[in-house]
Amino acid sequence: MHKCFLLLGSNTGEKRKTIESALKAIGGTVGEIKKKSSYYHSQPWGFNSDEDFLNVVVIVETEKSPDEILQLILEIETALGRKRTGKPGYQSRTLDIDILFYNDEIINRENLYIPHPRMHLRRFTLEPVNELEPDFVHPVIKKSIAELLIICPDKLLVSKDSFLKNEKPSLCL
């Protein structure tokens, strides 16, 4: 069995509902979700948008290869309304799923980079991973997630979601 960290994010539509549907699909296709972080609100990274992101990280136990996982998460994104425009740069999206880590493997190919090549620069990624496994060591940078979070250059606001049943979520930003 393999250990795979996935980051899910959404900043358009019914964000929480979309992410919950994606988590159900991941559990049914990619593997068993062993850990799930809190939900986090974050400002868009790398582009301007009026809509903040809702993000969550899961650790999945899987028998799938990284290539199989990539194909499955692309299918999940599409099934849940993701439309890739082909335009350069970052854009708002209904759903984005990234492979952050696959065991401690390093993969550098045209269509697949593991660990995610920019995760150490993004607070919205490091915060939820740190919640789950602060001592996990990045296989390229050779620092723990907790250490990467301390030196992260990203100063955008990231906050845990305070959503409770029958209560509107607070952005806390």
N, C-alpha and C. Protein backbone atom coordinates (compact mmCIF):
# COMPACT_ATOMS: atom_id res chain seq x y z
N MET A 1 0.84 -1.19 0.00
CA MET A 1 0.00 0.00 0.00
C MET A 1 0.88 1.24 0.00
N HIS A 2 0.36 2.28 -0.62
CA HIS A 2 1.09 3.53 -0.75
C HIS A 2 0.36 4.64 -0.01
N LYS A 3 1.12 5.63 0.41
CA LYS A 3 0.59 6.79 1.12
C LYS A 3 0.66 7.98 0.18
N CYS A 4 -0.51 8.55 -0.10
CA CYS A 4 -0.61 9.67 -1.04
C CYS A 4 -1.30 10.85 -0.37
N PHE A 5 -0.68 12.02 -0.43
CA PHE A 5 -1.27 13.25 0.09
C PHE A 5 -1.92 13.99 -1.08
N LEU A 6 -3.19 14.36 -0.93
CA LEU A 6 -3.90 15.11 -1.96
C LEU A 6 -4.41 16.41 -1.37
N LEU A 7 -4.30 17.49 -2.15
CA LEU A 7 -4.85 18.79 -1.79
C LEU A 7 -6.05 19.05 -2.69
N LEU A 8 -7.18 19.40 -2.08
CA LEU A 8 -8.38 19.76 -2.83
C LEU A 8 -8.70 21.21 -2.56
N GLY A 9 -9.08 21.93 -3.60
CA GLY A 9 -9.44 23.33 -3.44
C GLY A 9 -10.54 23.73 -4.40
N SER A 10 -11.32 24.73 -3.98
CA SER A 10 -12.41 25.25 -4.79
C SER A 10 -12.62 26.72 -4.44
N ASN A 11 -12.89 27.55 -5.47
CA ASN A 11 -13.24 28.93 -5.16
C ASN A 11 -14.42 29.44 -5.97
N THR A 12 -15.17 28.54 -6.57
CA THR A 12 -16.40 28.95 -7.24
C THR A 12 -17.51 27.95 -6.94
N GLY A 13 -18.74 28.41 -7.04
CA GLY A 13 -19.87 27.52 -6.82
C GLY A 13 -20.03 27.12 -5.37
N GLU A 14 -20.61 25.96 -5.16
CA GLU A 14 -20.82 25.43 -3.81
C GLU A 14 -19.55 24.68 -3.39
N LYS A 15 -18.61 25.41 -2.89
CA LYS A 15 -17.27 24.90 -2.61
C LYS A 15 -17.27 23.66 -1.73
N ARG A 16 -17.90 23.76 -0.58
CA ARG A 16 -17.88 22.63 0.37
C ARG A 16 -18.56 21.40 -0.24
N LYS A 17 -19.69 21.60 -0.88
CA LYS A 17 -20.42 20.49 -1.50
C LYS A 17 -19.57 19.83 -2.58
N THR A 18 -18.89 20.64 -3.38
CA THR A 18 -18.03 20.11 -4.44
C THR A 18 -16.89 19.29 -3.85
N ILE A 19 -16.25 19.84 -2.82
CA ILE A 19 -15.14 19.12 -2.19
C ILE A 19 -15.61 17.83 -1.54
N GLU A 20 -16.76 17.88 -0.87
CA GLU A 20 -17.29 16.66 -0.24
C GLU A 20 -17.59 15.59 -1.30
N SER A 21 -18.12 16.01 -2.44
CA SER A 21 -18.38 15.06 -3.53
C SER A 21 -17.07 14.48 -4.05
N ALA A 22 -16.05 15.32 -4.15
CA ALA A 22 -14.74 14.85 -4.62
C ALA A 22 -14.14 13.86 -3.62
N LEU A 23 -14.29 14.14 -2.33
CA LEU A 23 -13.75 13.23 -1.32
C LEU A 23 -14.43 11.86 -1.40
N LYS A 24 -15.73 11.88 -1.63
CA LYS A 24 -16.46 10.61 -1.78
C LYS A 24 -15.94 9.85 -3.00
N ALA A 25 -15.72 10.57 -4.11
CA ALA A 25 -15.21 9.93 -5.33
C ALA A 25 -13.79 9.41 -5.12
N ILE A 26 -12.96 10.15 -4.41
CA ILE A 26 -11.59 9.71 -4.13
C ILE A 26 -11.64 8.42 -3.31
N GLY A 27 -12.48 8.40 -2.28
CA GLY A 27 -12.61 7.19 -1.46
C GLY A 27 -13.10 5.99 -2.24
N GLY A 28 -13.88 6.23 -3.29
CA GLY A 28 -14.41 5.14 -4.09
C GLY A 28 -13.52 4.71 -5.24
N THR A 29 -12.51 5.51 -5.59
CA THR A 29 -11.68 5.18 -6.75
C THR A 29 -10.19 5.14 -6.44
N VAL A 30 -9.69 6.14 -5.74
CA VAL A 30 -8.25 6.25 -5.51
C VAL A 30 -7.81 5.34 -4.38
N GLY A 31 -8.53 5.38 -3.26
CA GLY A 31 -8.17 4.56 -2.11
C GLY A 31 -8.87 5.05 -0.87
N GLU A 32 -8.51 4.45 0.25
CA GLU A 32 -9.15 4.78 1.52
C GLU A 32 -8.55 6.05 2.12
N ILE A 33 -9.42 7.00 2.44
CA ILE A 33 -8.96 8.23 3.08
C ILE A 33 -8.68 7.91 4.55
N LYS A 34 -7.42 8.01 4.93
CA LYS A 34 -7.00 7.68 6.29
C LYS A 34 -7.02 8.89 7.21
N LYS A 35 -6.71 10.07 6.67
CA LYS A 35 -6.71 11.30 7.45
C LYS A 35 -7.25 12.42 6.59
N LYS A 36 -7.95 13.35 7.25
CA LYS A 36 -8.48 14.53 6.56
C LYS A 36 -8.24 15.74 7.44
N SER A 37 -7.68 16.79 6.87
CA SER A 37 -7.44 18.01 7.62
C SER A 37 -8.74 18.78 7.82
N SER A 38 -8.66 19.81 8.63
CA SER A 38 -9.75 20.77 8.71
C SER A 38 -9.87 21.45 7.35
N TYR A 39 -10.98 22.14 7.14
CA TYR A 39 -11.10 22.98 5.96
C TYR A 39 -10.41 24.31 6.25
N TYR A 40 -9.80 24.86 5.24
CA TYR A 40 -9.09 26.14 5.37
C TYR A 40 -9.58 27.11 4.30
N HIS A 41 -9.75 28.34 4.69
CA HIS A 41 -10.04 29.42 3.74
C HIS A 41 -8.72 30.08 3.41
N SER A 42 -8.55 30.44 2.15
CA SER A 42 -7.32 31.13 1.77
C SER A 42 -7.59 32.10 0.62
N GLN A 43 -6.76 33.10 0.57
CA GLN A 43 -6.82 34.04 -0.53
C GLN A 43 -6.24 33.36 -1.76
N PRO A 44 -6.68 33.75 -2.95
CA PRO A 44 -6.11 33.16 -4.17
C PRO A 44 -4.60 33.40 -4.24
N TRP A 45 -3.88 32.40 -4.68
CA TRP A 45 -2.43 32.46 -4.80
C TRP A 45 -2.09 32.55 -6.28
N GLY A 46 -1.37 33.58 -6.66
CA GLY A 46 -0.89 33.69 -8.04
C GLY A 46 -1.83 34.39 -9.00
N PHE A 47 -2.99 34.83 -8.53
CA PHE A 47 -3.93 35.57 -9.37
C PHE A 47 -4.93 36.30 -8.49
N ASN A 48 -5.65 37.22 -9.09
CA ASN A 48 -6.66 37.99 -8.36
C ASN A 48 -8.04 37.40 -8.61
N SER A 49 -8.82 37.32 -7.54
CA SER A 49 -10.19 36.85 -7.62
C SER A 49 -10.96 37.42 -6.45
N ASP A 50 -12.25 37.66 -6.65
CA ASP A 50 -13.10 38.11 -5.56
C ASP A 50 -13.47 36.98 -4.63
N GLU A 51 -13.28 35.74 -5.06
CA GLU A 51 -13.65 34.56 -4.28
C GLU A 51 -12.43 33.92 -3.63
N ASP A 52 -12.51 33.70 -2.32
CA ASP A 52 -11.46 32.97 -1.61
C ASP A 52 -11.61 31.48 -1.88
N PHE A 53 -10.56 30.74 -1.59
CA PHE A 53 -10.57 29.29 -1.76
C PHE A 53 -10.95 28.60 -0.46
N LEU A 54 -11.54 27.43 -0.62
CA LEU A 54 -11.74 26.49 0.46
C LEU A 54 -10.85 25.30 0.13
N ASN A 55 -9.98 24.91 1.06
CA ASN A 55 -9.02 23.84 0.82
C ASN A 55 -9.07 22.79 1.92
N VAL A 56 -8.68 21.58 1.55
CA VAL A 56 -8.55 20.49 2.51
C VAL A 56 -7.47 19.54 1.97
N VAL A 57 -6.76 18.89 2.88
CA VAL A 57 -5.77 17.88 2.50
C VAL A 57 -6.21 16.55 3.08
N VAL A 58 -6.05 15.50 2.28
CA VAL A 58 -6.31 14.14 2.74
C VAL A 58 -5.10 13.26 2.49
N ILE A 59 -4.97 12.28 3.34
CA ILE A 59 -3.95 11.25 3.14
C ILE A 59 -4.71 9.98 2.79
N VAL A 60 -4.36 9.44 1.64
CA VAL A 60 -5.06 8.27 1.10
C VAL A 60 -4.12 7.08 1.09
N GLU A 61 -4.62 5.94 1.53
CA GLU A 61 -3.90 4.68 1.41
C GLU A 61 -4.39 4.05 0.11
N THR A 62 -3.46 3.75 -0.79
CA THR A 62 -3.86 3.31 -2.12
C THR A 62 -2.94 2.24 -2.68
N GLU A 63 -3.49 1.45 -3.57
CA GLU A 63 -2.70 0.49 -4.35
C GLU A 63 -2.39 1.06 -5.73
N LYS A 64 -2.97 2.22 -6.04
CA LYS A 64 -2.81 2.83 -7.36
C LYS A 64 -1.42 3.44 -7.53
N SER A 65 -0.98 3.49 -8.78
CA SER A 65 0.28 4.15 -9.12
C SER A 65 0.03 5.66 -9.21
N PRO A 66 1.08 6.47 -9.18
CA PRO A 66 0.88 7.91 -9.35
C PRO A 66 0.17 8.26 -10.66
N ASP A 67 0.48 7.57 -11.73
CA ASP A 67 -0.17 7.84 -13.02
C ASP A 67 -1.66 7.51 -12.96
N GLU A 68 -2.00 6.41 -12.31
CA GLU A 68 -3.41 6.05 -12.16
C GLU A 68 -4.15 7.08 -11.31
N ILE A 69 -3.50 7.54 -10.26
CA ILE A 69 -4.12 8.55 -9.39
C ILE A 69 -4.34 9.83 -10.18
N LEU A 70 -3.35 10.25 -10.93
CA LEU A 70 -3.49 11.47 -11.73
C LEU A 70 -4.68 11.36 -12.67
N GLN A 71 -4.81 10.24 -13.36
CA GLN A 71 -5.94 10.06 -14.27
C GLN A 71 -7.28 10.11 -13.53
N LEU A 72 -7.34 9.46 -12.39
CA LEU A 72 -8.58 9.43 -11.61
C LEU A 72 -8.96 10.82 -11.09
N ILE A 73 -7.99 11.59 -10.60
CA ILE A 73 -8.34 12.90 -10.06
C ILE A 73 -8.73 13.87 -11.18
N LEU A 74 -8.13 13.72 -12.36
CA LEU A 74 -8.55 14.54 -13.50
C LEU A 74 -9.99 14.22 -13.89
N GLU A 75 -10.34 12.94 -13.85
CA GLU A 75 -11.72 12.54 -14.15
C GLU A 75 -12.69 13.08 -13.09
N ILE A 76 -12.29 13.06 -11.83
CA ILE A 76 -13.14 13.59 -10.75
C ILE A 76 -13.34 15.09 -10.94
N GLU A 77 -12.26 15.81 -11.23
CA GLU A 77 -12.37 17.25 -11.47
C GLU A 77 -13.36 17.55 -12.59
N THR A 78 -13.24 16.83 -13.69
CA THR A 78 -14.13 17.05 -14.83
C THR A 78 -15.57 16.71 -14.48
N ALA A 79 -15.77 15.59 -13.82
CA ALA A 79 -17.13 15.17 -13.45
C ALA A 79 -17.82 16.18 -12.52
N LEU A 80 -17.00 16.92 -11.76
CA LEU A 80 -17.56 17.89 -10.82
C LEU A 80 -17.50 19.33 -11.35
N GLY A 81 -17.34 19.45 -12.65
CA GLY A 81 -17.51 20.76 -13.28
C GLY A 81 -16.26 21.53 -13.62
N ARG A 82 -15.08 20.96 -13.44
CA ARG A 82 -13.85 21.68 -13.79
C ARG A 82 -13.75 21.78 -15.30
N LYS A 83 -13.56 22.99 -15.77
CA LYS A 83 -13.35 23.23 -17.20
C LYS A 83 -12.00 23.91 -17.37
N ARG A 84 -11.10 23.24 -18.03
CA ARG A 84 -9.78 23.81 -18.28
C ARG A 84 -9.85 24.65 -19.55
N THR A 85 -9.44 25.91 -19.42
CA THR A 85 -9.57 26.83 -20.55
C THR A 85 -8.36 26.82 -21.47
N GLY A 86 -7.24 26.38 -20.98
CA GLY A 86 -6.03 26.40 -21.79
C GLY A 86 -5.33 27.75 -21.74
N LYS A 87 -5.95 28.73 -21.06
CA LYS A 87 -5.32 30.04 -20.91
C LYS A 87 -4.14 29.92 -19.95
N PRO A 88 -3.10 30.71 -20.18
CA PRO A 88 -1.95 30.66 -19.27
C PRO A 88 -2.30 31.28 -17.91
N GLY A 89 -1.62 30.82 -16.88
CA GLY A 89 -1.81 31.38 -15.54
C GLY A 89 -2.91 30.71 -14.75
N TYR A 90 -3.04 31.14 -13.51
CA TYR A 90 -4.03 30.57 -12.60
C TYR A 90 -5.37 31.26 -12.78
N GLN A 91 -6.44 30.52 -12.51
CA GLN A 91 -7.80 31.03 -12.66
C GLN A 91 -8.69 30.44 -11.58
N SER A 92 -9.84 31.08 -11.40
CA SER A 92 -10.83 30.51 -10.48
C SER A 92 -11.28 29.15 -11.02
N ARG A 93 -11.71 28.27 -10.10
CA ARG A 93 -12.10 26.93 -10.54
C ARG A 93 -13.04 26.28 -9.54
N THR A 94 -13.88 25.43 -10.08
CA THR A 94 -14.82 24.70 -9.22
C THR A 94 -14.09 23.68 -8.37
N LEU A 95 -13.03 23.08 -8.93
CA LEU A 95 -12.31 22.05 -8.19
C LEU A 95 -10.91 21.89 -8.75
N ASP A 96 -9.97 21.77 -7.84
CA ASP A 96 -8.59 21.47 -8.21
C ASP A 96 -8.11 20.41 -7.23
N ILE A 97 -7.52 19.35 -7.74
CA ILE A 97 -6.96 18.31 -6.89
C ILE A 97 -5.50 18.12 -7.30
N ASP A 98 -4.61 18.28 -6.34
CA ASP A 98 -3.18 18.12 -6.60
C ASP A 98 -2.62 16.97 -5.80
N ILE A 99 -1.71 16.23 -6.41
CA ILE A 99 -0.94 15.22 -5.70
C ILE A 99 0.24 15.95 -5.06
N LEU A 100 0.31 15.92 -3.74
CA LEU A 100 1.41 16.60 -3.05
C LEU A 100 2.59 15.65 -2.84
N PHE A 101 2.30 14.49 -2.29
CA PHE A 101 3.33 13.47 -2.04
C PHE A 101 2.77 12.11 -2.41
N TYR A 102 3.66 11.21 -2.79
CA TYR A 102 3.34 9.81 -3.00
C TYR A 102 4.47 9.05 -2.33
N ASN A 103 4.20 8.53 -1.13
CA ASN A 103 5.26 7.98 -0.27
C ASN A 103 6.32 9.07 -0.14
N ASP A 104 7.57 8.71 -0.36
CA ASP A 104 8.62 9.74 -0.40
C ASP A 104 9.29 9.74 -1.77
N GLU A 105 8.50 9.37 -2.78
CA GLU A 105 9.03 9.29 -4.15
C GLU A 105 9.21 10.67 -4.77
N ILE A 106 10.16 10.73 -5.69
CA ILE A 106 10.41 11.93 -6.47
C ILE A 106 10.17 11.58 -7.93
N ILE A 107 9.20 12.24 -8.55
CA ILE A 107 8.85 12.00 -9.95
C ILE A 107 8.88 13.33 -10.68
N ASN A 108 9.67 13.41 -11.74
CA ASN A 108 9.76 14.62 -12.55
C ASN A 108 9.58 14.25 -14.02
N ARG A 109 8.33 14.37 -14.47
CA ARG A 109 8.02 14.10 -15.87
C ARG A 109 7.20 15.27 -16.40
N GLU A 110 7.02 15.31 -17.68
CA GLU A 110 6.31 16.42 -18.31
C GLU A 110 4.92 16.65 -17.72
N ASN A 111 4.21 15.59 -17.41
CA ASN A 111 2.83 15.75 -16.93
C ASN A 111 2.64 15.41 -15.46
N LEU A 112 3.72 15.08 -14.76
CA LEU A 112 3.58 14.66 -13.37
C LEU A 112 4.84 15.00 -12.57
N TYR A 113 4.65 15.84 -11.55
CA TYR A 113 5.73 16.24 -10.67
C TYR A 113 5.32 15.93 -9.23
N ILE A 114 6.07 15.04 -8.59
CA ILE A 114 5.83 14.69 -7.20
C ILE A 114 7.19 14.68 -6.50
N PRO A 115 7.30 15.38 -5.36
CA PRO A 115 6.29 16.18 -4.69
C PRO A 115 5.90 17.39 -5.53
N HIS A 116 4.75 17.94 -5.19
CA HIS A 116 4.26 19.11 -5.93
C HIS A 116 5.35 20.18 -5.90
N PRO A 117 5.73 20.70 -7.06
CA PRO A 117 6.90 21.58 -7.14
C PRO A 117 6.77 22.95 -6.45
N ARG A 118 5.56 23.39 -6.13
CA ARG A 118 5.41 24.70 -5.50
C ARG A 118 4.77 24.63 -4.11
N MET A 119 4.56 23.44 -3.60
CA MET A 119 3.84 23.33 -2.33
C MET A 119 4.56 24.03 -1.19
N HIS A 120 5.88 24.01 -1.17
CA HIS A 120 6.64 24.64 -0.09
C HIS A 120 6.55 26.16 -0.12
N LEU A 121 6.01 26.71 -1.20
CA LEU A 121 5.86 28.16 -1.35
C LEU A 121 4.45 28.62 -1.02
N ARG A 122 3.57 27.70 -0.67
CA ARG A 122 2.14 27.99 -0.50
C ARG A 122 1.65 27.66 0.90
N ARG A 123 1.33 28.69 1.64
CA ARG A 123 0.82 28.51 3.00
C ARG A 123 -0.48 27.71 3.02
N PHE A 124 -1.35 27.91 1.99
CA PHE A 124 -2.64 27.19 1.97
C PHE A 124 -2.46 25.69 1.79
N THR A 125 -1.29 25.28 1.35
CA THR A 125 -0.98 23.86 1.24
C THR A 125 -0.30 23.36 2.52
N LEU A 126 0.66 24.12 2.99
CA LEU A 126 1.43 23.69 4.15
C LEU A 126 0.61 23.62 5.44
N GLU A 127 -0.30 24.57 5.64
CA GLU A 127 -1.10 24.58 6.88
C GLU A 127 -1.87 23.27 7.08
N PRO A 128 -2.66 22.82 6.09
CA PRO A 128 -3.39 21.56 6.33
C PRO A 128 -2.49 20.33 6.39
N VAL A 129 -1.40 20.30 5.63
CA VAL A 129 -0.48 19.16 5.72
C VAL A 129 0.16 19.16 7.11
N ASN A 130 0.52 20.34 7.61
CA ASN A 130 1.11 20.44 8.94
C ASN A 130 0.15 19.95 10.03
N GLU A 131 -1.13 20.21 9.84
CA GLU A 131 -2.13 19.72 10.79
C GLU A 131 -2.10 18.20 10.87
N LEU A 132 -1.92 17.55 9.72
CA LEU A 132 -1.96 16.09 9.65
C LEU A 132 -0.63 15.43 10.02
N GLU A 133 0.46 15.94 9.44
CA GLU A 133 1.75 15.28 9.64
C GLU A 133 2.89 16.30 9.63
N PRO A 134 3.05 17.04 10.72
CA PRO A 134 4.08 18.08 10.76
C PRO A 134 5.50 17.56 10.63
N ASP A 135 5.73 16.29 10.99
CA ASP A 135 7.07 15.73 10.94
C ASP A 135 7.41 15.06 9.61
N PHE A 136 6.45 15.02 8.68
CA PHE A 136 6.73 14.42 7.38
C PHE A 136 7.82 15.23 6.69
N VAL A 137 8.84 14.55 6.18
CA VAL A 137 9.98 15.24 5.57
C VAL A 137 9.81 15.29 4.05
N HIS A 138 9.90 16.50 3.52
CA HIS A 138 9.83 16.72 2.08
C HIS A 138 11.04 16.00 1.46
N PRO A 139 10.82 15.07 0.53
CA PRO A 139 11.92 14.25 0.03
C PRO A 139 12.95 15.00 -0.82
N VAL A 140 12.62 16.17 -1.32
CA VAL A 140 13.58 16.95 -2.11
C VAL A 140 14.28 17.98 -1.23
N ILE A 141 13.51 18.73 -0.47
CA ILE A 141 14.05 19.83 0.33
C ILE A 141 14.68 19.34 1.62
N LYS A 142 14.26 18.15 2.07
CA LYS A 142 14.82 17.52 3.27
C LYS A 142 14.52 18.30 4.55
N LYS A 143 13.37 18.95 4.58
CA LYS A 143 12.89 19.63 5.78
C LYS A 143 11.49 19.10 6.09
N SER A 144 11.14 19.12 7.38
CA SER A 144 9.80 18.68 7.77
C SER A 144 8.79 19.73 7.32
N ILE A 145 7.53 19.32 7.29
CA ILE A 145 6.45 20.24 6.93
C ILE A 145 6.42 21.40 7.92
N ALA A 146 6.60 21.13 9.21
CA ALA A 146 6.62 22.18 10.23
C ALA A 146 7.73 23.19 9.94
N GLU A 147 8.89 22.70 9.55
CA GLU A 147 10.01 23.60 9.23
C GLU A 147 9.70 24.41 7.98
N LEU A 148 9.11 23.77 6.96
CA LEU A 148 8.76 24.49 5.74
C LEU A 148 7.74 25.59 6.00
N LEU A 149 6.81 25.32 6.89
CA LEU A 149 5.79 26.32 7.23
C LEU A 149 6.43 27.55 7.88
N ILE A 150 7.42 27.33 8.72
CA ILE A 150 8.10 28.45 9.39
C ILE A 150 8.82 29.35 8.39
N ILE A 151 9.42 28.75 7.37
CA ILE A 151 10.20 29.55 6.42
C ILE A 151 9.43 29.89 5.14
N CYS A 152 8.16 29.54 5.09
CA CYS A 152 7.35 29.78 3.89
C CYS A 152 7.29 31.29 3.59
N PRO A 153 7.61 31.68 2.35
CA PRO A 153 7.58 33.10 1.98
C PRO A 153 6.17 33.65 1.75
N ASP A 154 5.19 32.78 1.63
CA ASP A 154 3.81 33.18 1.34
C ASP A 154 3.21 33.86 2.58
N LYS A 155 2.75 35.08 2.41
CA LYS A 155 2.15 35.83 3.53
C LYS A 155 0.65 36.01 3.36
N LEU A 156 0.03 35.33 2.38
CA LEU A 156 -1.41 35.42 2.21
C LEU A 156 -2.11 34.79 3.41
N LEU A 157 -3.29 35.30 3.71
CA LEU A 157 -4.04 34.82 4.87
C LEU A 157 -4.63 33.44 4.62
N VAL A 158 -4.46 32.57 5.60
CA VAL A 158 -5.02 31.23 5.59
C VAL A 158 -5.63 31.01 6.97
N SER A 159 -6.89 30.57 7.02
CA SER A 159 -7.52 30.36 8.32
C SER A 159 -8.38 29.11 8.29
N LYS A 160 -8.42 28.43 9.43
CA LYS A 160 -9.29 27.27 9.57
C LYS A 160 -10.73 27.70 9.44
N ASP A 161 -11.51 26.86 8.80
CA ASP A 161 -12.94 27.12 8.63
C ASP A 161 -13.64 26.88 9.96
N SER A 162 -14.56 27.76 10.29
CA SER A 162 -15.30 27.61 11.54
C SER A 162 -16.73 27.16 11.28
N PHE A 163 -16.96 26.53 10.14
CA PHE A 163 -18.29 26.10 9.73
C PHE A 163 -18.86 25.09 10.72
N LEU A 164 -20.03 25.38 11.22
CA LEU A 164 -20.75 24.45 12.07
C LEU A 164 -22.12 24.22 11.46
N LYS A 165 -22.71 23.09 11.72
CA LYS A 165 -24.03 22.82 11.17
C LYS A 165 -25.00 23.94 11.54
N ASN A 166 -25.85 24.28 10.57
CA ASN A 166 -26.87 25.32 10.74
C ASN A 166 -26.28 26.71 11.01
N GLU A 167 -25.04 26.90 10.63
CA GLU A 167 -24.40 28.19 10.83
C GLU A 167 -23.64 28.55 9.57
N LYS A 168 -23.70 29.79 9.15
CA LYS A 168 -22.96 30.21 7.97
C LYS A 168 -21.46 30.19 8.28
N PRO A 169 -20.64 29.80 7.30
CA PRO A 169 -19.20 29.80 7.54
C PRO A 169 -18.67 31.23 7.69
N SER A 170 -17.67 31.37 8.53
CA SER A 170 -17.02 32.64 8.72
C SER A 170 -15.69 32.62 7.99
N LEU A 171 -15.44 33.63 7.17
CA LEU A 171 -14.20 33.64 6.41
C LEU A 171 -12.98 33.91 7.27
N CYS A 172 -13.12 34.58 8.38
CA CYS A 172 -12.00 34.82 9.30
C CYS A 172 -10.81 35.48 8.62
N LEU A 173 -11.02 36.14 7.49
CA LEU A 173 -9.88 36.74 6.80
C LEU A 173 -9.82 38.20 7.02
